[in-house]
Amino acid sequence: MNKTALRRDKYFLRDLYQEIDFYDRKLAYLDKFAVFASPGDREEAEKVLRAKRAPLEKVALELAASGVEYDEKNLPRSLRTMNPELMDAQWNLNVVERS
């Protein structure tokens, strides 16, 4: 059985962006509405979601940086920043290195 190669096209990147946005929404829900027995439980749940989201974000940023075409309207809200140089207020991808 041959293992199929991962596709690395604009549709794959769009799907990654959708999945990142899904985890962003889950994190927002945890922050605003979820009830936990202790703050430690909340932090553990947030840590698990961030651990699942981090590799997705890394791959998405690498693909975008390597020149894979993407539509800016598909960017997750967490990756959008306003580009002050543009007068028409278009959205721009801002790559930020996290430590």
PDB file of N, CA and C in Angstrom:
ATOM      1  N   MET A   1       0.829  -1.175   0.000  1.00  0.00           N
ATOM      2  CA  MET A   1       0.000   0.000   0.000  1.00  0.00           C
ATOM      3  C   MET A   1       0.878   1.244   0.000  1.00  0.00           C
ATOM      4  N   ASN A   2       0.725   2.068  -0.998  1.00  0.00           N
ATOM      5  CA  ASN A   2       1.521   3.286  -1.095  1.00  0.00           C
ATOM      6  C   ASN A   2       0.918   4.385  -0.248  1.00  0.00           C
ATOM      7  N   LYS A   3       1.768   5.082   0.427  1.00  0.00           N
ATOM      8  CA  LYS A   3       1.319   6.217   1.221  1.00  0.00           C
ATOM      9  C   LYS A   3       1.238   7.426   0.305  1.00  0.00           C
ATOM     10  N   THR A   4       0.082   8.036   0.249  1.00  0.00           N
ATOM     11  CA  THR A   4      -0.073   9.192  -0.630  1.00  0.00           C
ATOM     12  C   THR A   4       0.610  10.402  -0.020  1.00  0.00           C
ATOM     13  N   ALA A   5       1.190  11.194  -0.870  1.00  0.00           N
ATOM     14  CA  ALA A   5       1.882  12.409  -0.419  1.00  0.00           C
ATOM     15  C   ALA A   5       0.862  13.451   0.007  1.00  0.00           C
ATOM     16  N   LEU A   6       1.210  14.177   1.037  1.00  0.00           N
ATOM     17  CA  LEU A   6       0.331  15.254   1.481  1.00  0.00           C
ATOM     18  C   LEU A   6       0.260  16.327   0.409  1.00  0.00           C
ATOM     19  N   ARG A   7      -0.919  16.786   0.149  1.00  0.00           N
ATOM     20  CA  ARG A   7      -1.031  17.871  -0.815  1.00  0.00           C
ATOM     21  C   ARG A   7      -0.724  19.176  -0.100  1.00  0.00           C
ATOM     22  N   ARG A   8       0.008  20.005  -0.751  1.00  0.00           N
ATOM     23  CA  ARG A   8       0.431  21.280  -0.167  1.00  0.00           C
ATOM     24  C   ARG A   8       0.021  22.401  -1.102  1.00  0.00           C
ATOM     25  N   ASP A   9      -1.276  22.505  -1.340  1.00  0.00           N
ATOM     26  CA  ASP A   9      -1.776  23.524  -2.254  1.00  0.00           C
ATOM     27  C   ASP A   9      -2.649  24.518  -1.502  1.00  0.00           C
ATOM     28  N   LYS A  10      -3.264  25.423  -2.242  1.00  0.00           N
ATOM     29  CA  LYS A  10      -4.057  26.478  -1.602  1.00  0.00           C
ATOM     30  C   LYS A  10      -5.275  25.911  -0.882  1.00  0.00           C
ATOM     31  N   TYR A  11      -5.768  24.767  -1.321  1.00  0.00           N
ATOM     32  CA  TYR A  11      -6.926  24.168  -0.657  1.00  0.00           C
ATOM     33  C   TYR A  11      -6.534  23.537   0.671  1.00  0.00           C
ATOM     34  N   PHE A  12      -5.366  22.952   0.716  1.00  0.00           N
ATOM     35  CA  PHE A  12      -4.848  22.413   1.968  1.00  0.00           C
ATOM     36  C   PHE A  12      -4.626  23.540   2.967  1.00  0.00           C
ATOM     37  N   LEU A  13      -4.061  24.650   2.495  1.00  0.00           N
ATOM     38  CA  LEU A  13      -3.825  25.805   3.355  1.00  0.00           C
ATOM     39  C   LEU A  13      -5.150  26.384   3.859  1.00  0.00           C
ATOM     40  N   ARG A  14      -6.152  26.447   2.984  1.00  0.00           N
ATOM     41  CA  ARG A  14      -7.476  26.934   3.398  1.00  0.00           C
ATOM     42  C   ARG A  14      -8.050  26.048   4.502  1.00  0.00           C
ATOM     43  N   ASP A  15      -7.910  24.728   4.345  1.00  0.00           N
ATOM     44  CA  ASP A  15      -8.403  23.804   5.366  1.00  0.00           C
ATOM     45  C   ASP A  15      -7.651  23.967   6.687  1.00  0.00           C
ATOM     46  N   LEU A  16      -6.345  24.207   6.595  1.00  0.00           N
ATOM     47  CA  LEU A  16      -5.560  24.473   7.808  1.00  0.00           C
ATOM     48  C   LEU A  16      -6.066  25.729   8.515  1.00  0.00           C
ATOM     49  N   TYR A  17      -6.313  26.774   7.733  1.00  0.00           N
ATOM     50  CA  TYR A  17      -6.824  28.015   8.308  1.00  0.00           C
ATOM     51  C   TYR A  17      -8.172  27.785   8.994  1.00  0.00           C
ATOM     52  N   GLN A  18      -9.025  26.974   8.403  1.00  0.00           N
ATOM     53  CA  GLN A  18     -10.318  26.689   9.007  1.00  0.00           C
ATOM     54  C   GLN A  18     -10.158  25.929  10.316  1.00  0.00           C
ATOM     55  N   GLU A  19      -9.226  25.008  10.348  1.00  0.00           N
ATOM     56  CA  GLU A  19      -8.994  24.247  11.568  1.00  0.00           C
ATOM     57  C   GLU A  19      -8.383  25.120  12.665  1.00  0.00           C
ATOM     58  N   ILE A  20      -7.483  26.011  12.292  1.00  0.00           N
ATOM     59  CA  ILE A  20      -6.909  26.952  13.268  1.00  0.00           C
ATOM     60  C   ILE A  20      -8.007  27.841  13.830  1.00  0.00           C
ATOM     61  N   ASP A  21      -8.881  28.331  12.973  1.00  0.00           N
ATOM     62  CA  ASP A  21      -9.987  29.177  13.423  1.00  0.00           C
ATOM     63  C   ASP A  21     -10.915  28.405  14.364  1.00  0.00           C
ATOM     64  N   PHE A  22     -11.122  27.129  14.081  1.00  0.00           N
ATOM     65  CA  PHE A  22     -11.932  26.275  14.957  1.00  0.00           C
ATOM     66  C   PHE A  22     -11.327  26.212  16.352  1.00  0.00           C
ATOM     67  N   TYR A  23     -10.007  25.998  16.440  1.00  0.00           N
ATOM     68  CA  TYR A  23      -9.356  25.968  17.751  1.00  0.00           C
ATOM     69  C   TYR A  23      -9.385  27.334  18.420  1.00  0.00           C
ATOM     70  N   ASP A  24      -9.307  28.407  17.653  1.00  0.00           N
ATOM     71  CA  ASP A  24      -9.427  29.750  18.226  1.00  0.00           C
ATOM     72  C   ASP A  24     -10.791  29.932  18.876  1.00  0.00           C
ATOM     73  N   ARG A  25     -11.823  29.447  18.206  1.00  0.00           N
ATOM     74  CA  ARG A  25     -13.180  29.563  18.759  1.00  0.00           C
ATOM     75  C   ARG A  25     -13.330  28.715  20.015  1.00  0.00           C
ATOM     76  N   LYS A  26     -12.729  27.527  20.013  1.00  0.00           N
ATOM     77  CA  LYS A  26     -12.784  26.678  21.205  1.00  0.00           C
ATOM     78  C   LYS A  26     -12.066  27.347  22.383  1.00  0.00           C
ATOM     79  N   LEU A  27     -10.927  27.978  22.105  1.00  0.00           N
ATOM     80  CA  LEU A  27     -10.203  28.687  23.163  1.00  0.00           C
ATOM     81  C   LEU A  27     -11.010  29.869  23.687  1.00  0.00           C
ATOM     82  N   ALA A  28     -11.675  30.588  22.794  1.00  0.00           N
ATOM     83  CA  ALA A  28     -12.514  31.710  23.222  1.00  0.00           C
ATOM     84  C   ALA A  28     -13.669  31.217  24.081  1.00  0.00           C
ATOM     85  N   TYR A  29     -14.258  30.087  23.705  1.00  0.00           N
ATOM     86  CA  TYR A  29     -15.345  29.520  24.500  1.00  0.00           C
ATOM     87  C   TYR A  29     -14.849  29.146  25.899  1.00  0.00           C
ATOM     88  N   LEU A  30     -13.670  28.528  25.968  1.00  0.00           N
ATOM     89  CA  LEU A  30     -13.092  28.188  27.270  1.00  0.00           C
ATOM     90  C   LEU A  30     -12.922  29.424  28.130  1.00  0.00           C
ATOM     91  N   ASP A  31     -12.447  30.484  27.512  1.00  0.00           N
ATOM     92  CA  ASP A  31     -12.162  31.716  28.239  1.00  0.00           C
ATOM     93  C   ASP A  31     -13.428  32.388  28.757  1.00  0.00           C
ATOM     94  N   LYS A  32     -14.502  32.355  27.970  1.00  0.00           N
ATOM     95  CA  LYS A  32     -15.687  33.126  28.328  1.00  0.00           C
ATOM     96  C   LYS A  32     -16.800  32.323  29.001  1.00  0.00           C
ATOM     97  N   PHE A  33     -17.026  31.078  28.592  1.00  0.00           N
ATOM     98  CA  PHE A  33     -18.230  30.379  29.025  1.00  0.00           C
ATOM     99  C   PHE A  33     -18.008  29.087  29.789  1.00  0.00           C
ATOM    100  N   ALA A  34     -16.908  28.415  29.577  1.00  0.00           N
ATOM    101  CA  ALA A  34     -16.696  27.111  30.201  1.00  0.00           C
ATOM    102  C   ALA A  34     -16.515  27.253  31.705  1.00  0.00           C
ATOM    103  N   VAL A  35     -17.088  26.304  32.441  1.00  0.00           N
ATOM    104  CA  VAL A  35     -17.008  26.297  33.898  1.00  0.00           C
ATOM    105  C   VAL A  35     -16.095  25.147  34.311  1.00  0.00           C
ATOM    106  N   PHE A  36     -15.129  25.461  35.159  1.00  0.00           N
ATOM    107  CA  PHE A  36     -14.179  24.465  35.627  1.00  0.00           C
ATOM    108  C   PHE A  36     -14.169  24.463  37.152  1.00  0.00           C
ATOM    109  N   ALA A  37     -13.770  23.335  37.711  1.00  0.00           N
ATOM    110  CA  ALA A  37     -13.723  23.198  39.169  1.00  0.00           C
ATOM    111  C   ALA A  37     -12.619  24.055  39.780  1.00  0.00           C
ATOM    112  N   SER A  38     -11.537  24.246  39.025  1.00  0.00           N
ATOM    113  CA  SER A  38     -10.431  25.041  39.554  1.00  0.00           C
ATOM    114  C   SER A  38      -9.722  25.748  38.403  1.00  0.00           C
ATOM    115  N   PRO A  39      -8.980  26.810  38.718  1.00  0.00           N
ATOM    116  CA  PRO A  39      -8.202  27.487  37.674  1.00  0.00           C
ATOM    117  C   PRO A  39      -7.174  26.564  37.023  1.00  0.00           C
ATOM    118  N   GLY A  40      -6.690  25.600  37.764  1.00  0.00           N
ATOM    119  CA  GLY A  40      -5.729  24.653  37.208  1.00  0.00           C
ATOM    120  C   GLY A  40      -6.349  23.795  36.112  1.00  0.00           C
ATOM    121  N   ASP A  41      -7.613  23.426  36.302  1.00  0.00           N
ATOM    122  CA  ASP A  41      -8.315  22.655  35.275  1.00  0.00           C
ATOM    123  C   ASP A  41      -8.496  23.473  34.006  1.00  0.00           C
ATOM    124  N   ARG A  42      -8.799  24.747  34.183  1.00  0.00           N
ATOM    125  CA  ARG A  42      -8.958  25.636  33.025  1.00  0.00           C
ATOM    126  C   ARG A  42      -7.629  25.766  32.267  1.00  0.00           C
ATOM    127  N   GLU A  43      -6.554  25.956  33.008  1.00  0.00           N
ATOM    128  CA  GLU A  43      -5.238  26.088  32.381  1.00  0.00           C
ATOM    129  C   GLU A  43      -4.843  24.812  31.652  1.00  0.00           C
ATOM    130  N   GLU A  44      -5.172  23.661  32.226  1.00  0.00           N
ATOM    131  CA  GLU A  44      -4.847  22.382  31.586  1.00  0.00           C
ATOM    132  C   GLU A  44      -5.634  22.213  30.288  1.00  0.00           C
ATOM    133  N   ALA A  45      -6.915  22.565  30.295  1.00  0.00           N
ATOM    134  CA  ALA A  45      -7.731  22.469  29.084  1.00  0.00           C
ATOM    135  C   ALA A  45      -7.212  23.418  28.006  1.00  0.00           C
ATOM    136  N   GLU A  46      -6.825  24.619  28.408  1.00  0.00           N
ATOM    137  CA  GLU A  46      -6.274  25.587  27.453  1.00  0.00           C
ATOM    138  C   GLU A  46      -4.936  25.091  26.894  1.00  0.00           C
ATOM    139  N   LYS A  47      -4.126  24.495  27.752  1.00  0.00           N
ATOM    140  CA  LYS A  47      -2.823  23.968  27.319  1.00  0.00           C
ATOM    141  C   LYS A  47      -3.003  22.872  26.273  1.00  0.00           C
ATOM    142  N   VAL A  48      -3.987  21.998  26.472  1.00  0.00           N
ATOM    143  CA  VAL A  48      -4.248  20.912  25.522  1.00  0.00           C
ATOM    144  C   VAL A  48      -4.671  21.477  24.170  1.00  0.00           C
ATOM    145  N   LEU A  49      -5.580  22.455  24.174  1.00  0.00           N
ATOM    146  CA  LEU A  49      -6.037  23.044  22.914  1.00  0.00           C
ATOM    147  C   LEU A  49      -4.909  23.785  22.202  1.00  0.00           C
ATOM    148  N   ARG A  50      -4.108  24.515  22.943  1.00  0.00           N
ATOM    149  CA  ARG A  50      -2.987  25.228  22.324  1.00  0.00           C
ATOM    150  C   ARG A  50      -1.948  24.255  21.758  1.00  0.00           C
ATOM    151  N   ALA A  51      -1.752  23.113  22.417  1.00  0.00           N
ATOM    152  CA  ALA A  51      -0.820  22.111  21.915  1.00  0.00           C
ATOM    153  C   ALA A  51      -1.321  21.501  20.607  1.00  0.00           C
ATOM    154  N   LYS A  52      -2.626  21.362  20.456  1.00  0.00           N
ATOM    155  CA  LYS A  52      -3.193  20.844  19.207  1.00  0.00           C
ATOM    156  C   LYS A  52      -3.144  21.888  18.101  1.00  0.00           C
ATOM    157  N   ARG A  53      -3.267  23.161  18.477  1.00  0.00           N
ATOM    158  CA  ARG A  53      -3.318  24.248  17.498  1.00  0.00           C
ATOM    159  C   ARG A  53      -1.926  24.628  16.984  1.00  0.00           C
ATOM    160  N   ALA A  54      -0.916  24.549  17.826  1.00  0.00           N
ATOM    161  CA  ALA A  54       0.430  25.028  17.494  1.00  0.00           C
ATOM    162  C   ALA A  54       1.023  24.402  16.233  1.00  0.00           C
ATOM    163  N   PRO A  55       0.974  23.081  16.060  1.00  0.00           N
ATOM    164  CA  PRO A  55       1.562  22.530  14.822  1.00  0.00           C
ATOM    165  C   PRO A  55       0.799  22.951  13.568  1.00  0.00           C
ATOM    166  N   LEU A  56      -0.507  23.135  13.700  1.00  0.00           N
ATOM    167  CA  LEU A  56      -1.298  23.597  12.555  1.00  0.00           C
ATOM    168  C   LEU A  56      -0.865  24.993  12.133  1.00  0.00           C
ATOM    169  N   GLU A  57      -0.689  25.862  13.132  1.00  0.00           N
ATOM    170  CA  GLU A  57      -0.261  27.228  12.845  1.00  0.00           C
ATOM    171  C   GLU A  57       1.128  27.250  12.215  1.00  0.00           C
ATOM    172  N   LYS A  58       2.020  26.402  12.722  1.00  0.00           N
ATOM    173  CA  LYS A  58       3.382  26.360  12.196  1.00  0.00           C
ATOM    174  C   LYS A  58       3.374  25.958  10.719  1.00  0.00           C
ATOM    175  N   VAL A  59       2.641  24.907  10.383  1.00  0.00           N
ATOM    176  CA  VAL A  59       2.576  24.445   8.994  1.00  0.00           C
ATOM    177  C   VAL A  59       1.930  25.507   8.107  1.00  0.00           C
ATOM    178  N   ALA A  60       0.858  26.124   8.587  1.00  0.00           N
ATOM    179  CA  ALA A  60       0.160  27.147   7.792  1.00  0.00           C
ATOM    180  C   ALA A  60       1.075  28.333   7.506  1.00  0.00           C
ATOM    181  N   LEU A  61       1.812  28.788   8.501  1.00  0.00           N
ATOM    182  CA  LEU A  61       2.712  29.920   8.297  1.00  0.00           C
ATOM    183  C   LEU A  61       3.867  29.557   7.366  1.00  0.00           C
ATOM    184  N   GLU A  62       4.358  28.324   7.480  1.00  0.00           N
ATOM    185  CA  GLU A  62       5.431  27.877   6.580  1.00  0.00           C
ATOM    186  C   GLU A  62       4.943  27.825   5.137  1.00  0.00           C
ATOM    187  N   LEU A  63       3.737  27.301   4.929  1.00  0.00           N
ATOM    188  CA  LEU A  63       3.179  27.225   3.576  1.00  0.00           C
ATOM    189  C   LEU A  63       2.962  28.618   2.994  1.00  0.00           C
ATOM    190  N   ALA A  64       2.402  29.519   3.801  1.00  0.00           N
ATOM    191  CA  ALA A  64       2.173  30.879   3.323  1.00  0.00           C
ATOM    192  C   ALA A  64       3.496  31.571   3.003  1.00  0.00           C
ATOM    193  N   ALA A  65       4.511  31.340   3.831  1.00  0.00           N
ATOM    194  CA  ALA A  65       5.814  31.961   3.598  1.00  0.00           C
ATOM    195  C   ALA A  65       6.516  31.369   2.370  1.00  0.00           C
ATOM    196  N   SER A  66       6.217  30.116   2.071  1.00  0.00           N
ATOM    197  CA  SER A  66       6.862  29.476   0.915  1.00  0.00           C
ATOM    198  C   SER A  66       6.194  29.837  -0.403  1.00  0.00           C
ATOM    199  N   GLY A  67       5.127  30.588  -0.339  1.00  0.00           N
ATOM    200  CA  GLY A  67       4.511  31.077  -1.563  1.00  0.00           C
ATOM    201  C   GLY A  67       3.239  30.376  -1.984  1.00  0.00           C
ATOM    202  N   VAL A  68       2.693  29.518  -1.134  1.00  0.00           N
ATOM    203  CA  VAL A  68       1.424  28.880  -1.472  1.00  0.00           C
ATOM    204  C   VAL A  68       0.346  29.964  -1.493  1.00  0.00           C
ATOM    205  N   GLU A  69      -0.407  29.977  -2.554  1.00  0.00           N
ATOM    206  CA  GLU A  69      -1.438  30.995  -2.743  1.00  0.00           C
ATOM    207  C   GLU A  69      -2.550  30.819  -1.699  1.00  0.00           C
ATOM    208  N   TYR A  70      -3.032  31.929  -1.171  1.00  0.00           N
ATOM    209  CA  TYR A  70      -4.153  31.887  -0.234  1.00  0.00           C
ATOM    210  C   TYR A  70      -4.993  33.132  -0.417  1.00  0.00           C
ATOM    211  N   ASP A  71      -6.245  33.014  -0.029  1.00  0.00           N
ATOM    212  CA  ASP A  71      -7.157  34.139  -0.092  1.00  0.00           C
ATOM    213  C   ASP A  71      -7.211  34.766   1.299  1.00  0.00           C
ATOM    214  N   GLU A  72      -6.981  36.053   1.393  1.00  0.00           N
ATOM    215  CA  GLU A  72      -6.892  36.710   2.700  1.00  0.00           C
ATOM    216  C   GLU A  72      -8.184  36.629   3.499  1.00  0.00           C
ATOM    217  N   LYS A  73      -9.299  36.439   2.828  1.00  0.00           N
ATOM    218  CA  LYS A  73     -10.561  36.327   3.562  1.00  0.00           C
ATOM    219  C   LYS A  73     -10.635  35.012   4.332  1.00  0.00           C
ATOM    220  N   ASN A  74      -9.794  34.040   3.999  1.00  0.00           N
ATOM    221  CA  ASN A  74      -9.787  32.749   4.681  1.00  0.00           C
ATOM    222  C   ASN A  74      -8.874  32.710   5.899  1.00  0.00           C
ATOM    223  N   LEU A  75      -8.130  33.777   6.131  1.00  0.00           N
ATOM    224  CA  LEU A  75      -7.228  33.808   7.287  1.00  0.00           C
ATOM    225  C   LEU A  75      -8.016  33.704   8.587  1.00  0.00           C
ATOM    226  N   PRO A  76      -7.523  32.909   9.532  1.00  0.00           N
ATOM    227  CA  PRO A  76      -8.157  32.888  10.850  1.00  0.00           C
ATOM    228  C   PRO A  76      -8.016  34.252  11.523  1.00  0.00           C
ATOM    229  N   ARG A  77      -8.950  34.574  12.361  1.00  0.00           N
ATOM    230  CA  ARG A  77      -8.924  35.882  13.030  1.00  0.00           C
ATOM    231  C   ARG A  77      -7.648  36.089  13.832  1.00  0.00           C
ATOM    232  N   SER A  78      -7.085  35.008  14.359  1.00  0.00           N
ATOM    233  CA  SER A  78      -5.874  35.146  15.166  1.00  0.00           C
ATOM    234  C   SER A  78      -4.642  35.485  14.326  1.00  0.00           C
ATOM    235  N   LEU A  79      -4.698  35.247  13.018  1.00  0.00           N
ATOM    236  CA  LEU A  79      -3.556  35.557  12.153  1.00  0.00           C
ATOM    237  C   LEU A  79      -3.745  36.852  11.378  1.00  0.00           C
ATOM    238  N   ARG A  80      -4.859  37.511  11.583  1.00  0.00           N
ATOM    239  CA  ARG A  80      -5.108  38.770  10.868  1.00  0.00           C
ATOM    240  C   ARG A  80      -4.575  39.955  11.674  1.00  0.00           C
ATOM    241  N   THR A  81      -3.954  40.866  10.965  1.00  0.00           N
ATOM    242  CA  THR A  81      -3.571  42.141  11.567  1.00  0.00           C
ATOM    243  C   THR A  81      -3.819  43.219  10.536  1.00  0.00           C
ATOM    244  N   MET A  82      -4.108  44.383  10.998  1.00  0.00           N
ATOM    245  CA  MET A  82      -4.297  45.497  10.062  1.00  0.00           C
ATOM    246  C   MET A  82      -2.934  45.945   9.552  1.00  0.00           C
ATOM    247  N   ASN A  83      -2.873  46.208   8.266  1.00  0.00           N
ATOM    248  CA  ASN A  83      -1.649  46.708   7.649  1.00  0.00           C
ATOM    249  C   ASN A  83      -1.787  48.226   7.539  1.00  0.00           C
ATOM    250  N   PRO A  84      -1.112  48.997   8.385  1.00  0.00           N
ATOM    251  CA  PRO A  84      -1.314  50.444   8.401  1.00  0.00           C
ATOM    252  C   PRO A  84      -0.850  51.163   7.141  1.00  0.00           C
ATOM    253  N   GLU A  85       0.016  50.525   6.341  1.00  0.00           N
ATOM    254  CA  GLU A  85       0.493  51.203   5.136  1.00  0.00           C
ATOM    255  C   GLU A  85      -0.586  51.320   4.054  1.00  0.00           C
ATOM    256  N   LEU A  86      -1.540  50.403   4.093  1.00  0.00           N
ATOM    257  CA  LEU A  86      -2.556  50.407   3.046  1.00  0.00           C
ATOM    258  C   LEU A  86      -3.701  51.339   3.421  1.00  0.00           C
ATOM    259  N   MET A  87      -4.057  52.198   2.506  1.00  0.00           N
ATOM    260  CA  MET A  87      -5.126  53.164   2.772  1.00  0.00           C
ATOM    261  C   MET A  87      -6.499  52.518   2.743  1.00  0.00           C
ATOM    262  N   ASP A  88      -6.650  51.430   1.984  1.00  0.00           N
ATOM    263  CA  ASP A  88      -7.958  50.798   1.877  1.00  0.00           C
ATOM    264  C   ASP A  88      -8.187  49.724   2.937  1.00  0.00           C
ATOM    265  N   ALA A  89      -7.338  49.650   3.924  1.00  0.00           N
ATOM    266  CA  ALA A  89      -7.485  48.776   5.090  1.00  0.00           C
ATOM    267  C   ALA A  89      -7.626  47.305   4.712  1.00  0.00           C
ATOM    268  N   GLN A  90      -6.764  46.809   3.830  1.00  0.00           N
ATOM    269  CA  GLN A  90      -6.757  45.389   3.498  1.00  0.00           C
ATOM    270  C   GLN A  90      -6.099  44.621   4.637  1.00  0.00           C
ATOM    271  N   TRP A  91      -6.446  43.346   4.744  1.00  0.00           N
ATOM    272  CA  TRP A  91      -5.851  42.493   5.770  1.00  0.00           C
ATOM    273  C   TRP A  91      -4.535  41.930   5.258  1.00  0.00           C
ATOM    274  N   ASN A  92      -3.602  41.725   6.183  1.00  0.00           N
ATOM    275  CA  ASN A  92      -2.289  41.222   5.810  1.00  0.00           C
ATOM    276  C   ASN A  92      -1.859  40.169   6.821  1.00  0.00           C
ATOM    277  N   LEU A  93      -1.138  39.147   6.340  1.00  0.00           N
ATOM    278  CA  LEU A  93      -0.610  38.110   7.212  1.00  0.00           C
ATOM    279  C   LEU A  93       0.662  38.620   7.875  1.00  0.00           C
ATOM    280  N   ASN A  94       0.711  38.532   9.183  1.00  0.00           N
ATOM    281  CA  ASN A  94       1.874  38.977   9.938  1.00  0.00           C
ATOM    282  C   ASN A  94       2.470  37.765  10.630  1.00  0.00           C
ATOM    283  N   VAL A  95       3.675  37.383  10.269  1.00  0.00           N
ATOM    284  CA  VAL A  95       4.338  36.241  10.855  1.00  0.00           C
ATOM    285  C   VAL A  95       5.067  36.706  12.105  1.00  0.00           C
ATOM    286  N   VAL A  96       4.723  36.087  13.230  1.00  0.00           N
ATOM    287  CA  VAL A  96       5.317  36.449  14.508  1.00  0.00           C
ATOM    288  C   VAL A  96       5.976  35.210  15.081  1.00  0.00           C
ATOM    289  N   GLU A  97       7.223  35.320  15.435  1.00  0.00           N
ATOM    290  CA  GLU A  97       7.959  34.201  16.008  1.00  0.00           C
ATOM    291  C   GLU A  97       7.629  34.115  17.497  1.00  0.00           C
ATOM    292  N   ARG A  98       7.147  32.971  17.929  1.00  0.00           N
ATOM    293  CA  ARG A  98       6.841  32.768  19.346  1.00  0.00           C
ATOM    294  C   ARG A  98       7.941  31.942  19.977  1.00  0.00           C
ATOM    295  N   SER A  99       8.243  32.257  21.220  1.00  0.00           N
ATOM    296  CA  SER A  99       9.285  31.486  21.887  1.00  0.00           C
ATOM    297  C   SER A  99       8.712  30.599  22.951  1.00  0.00           C
TER     298      SER A  99
END
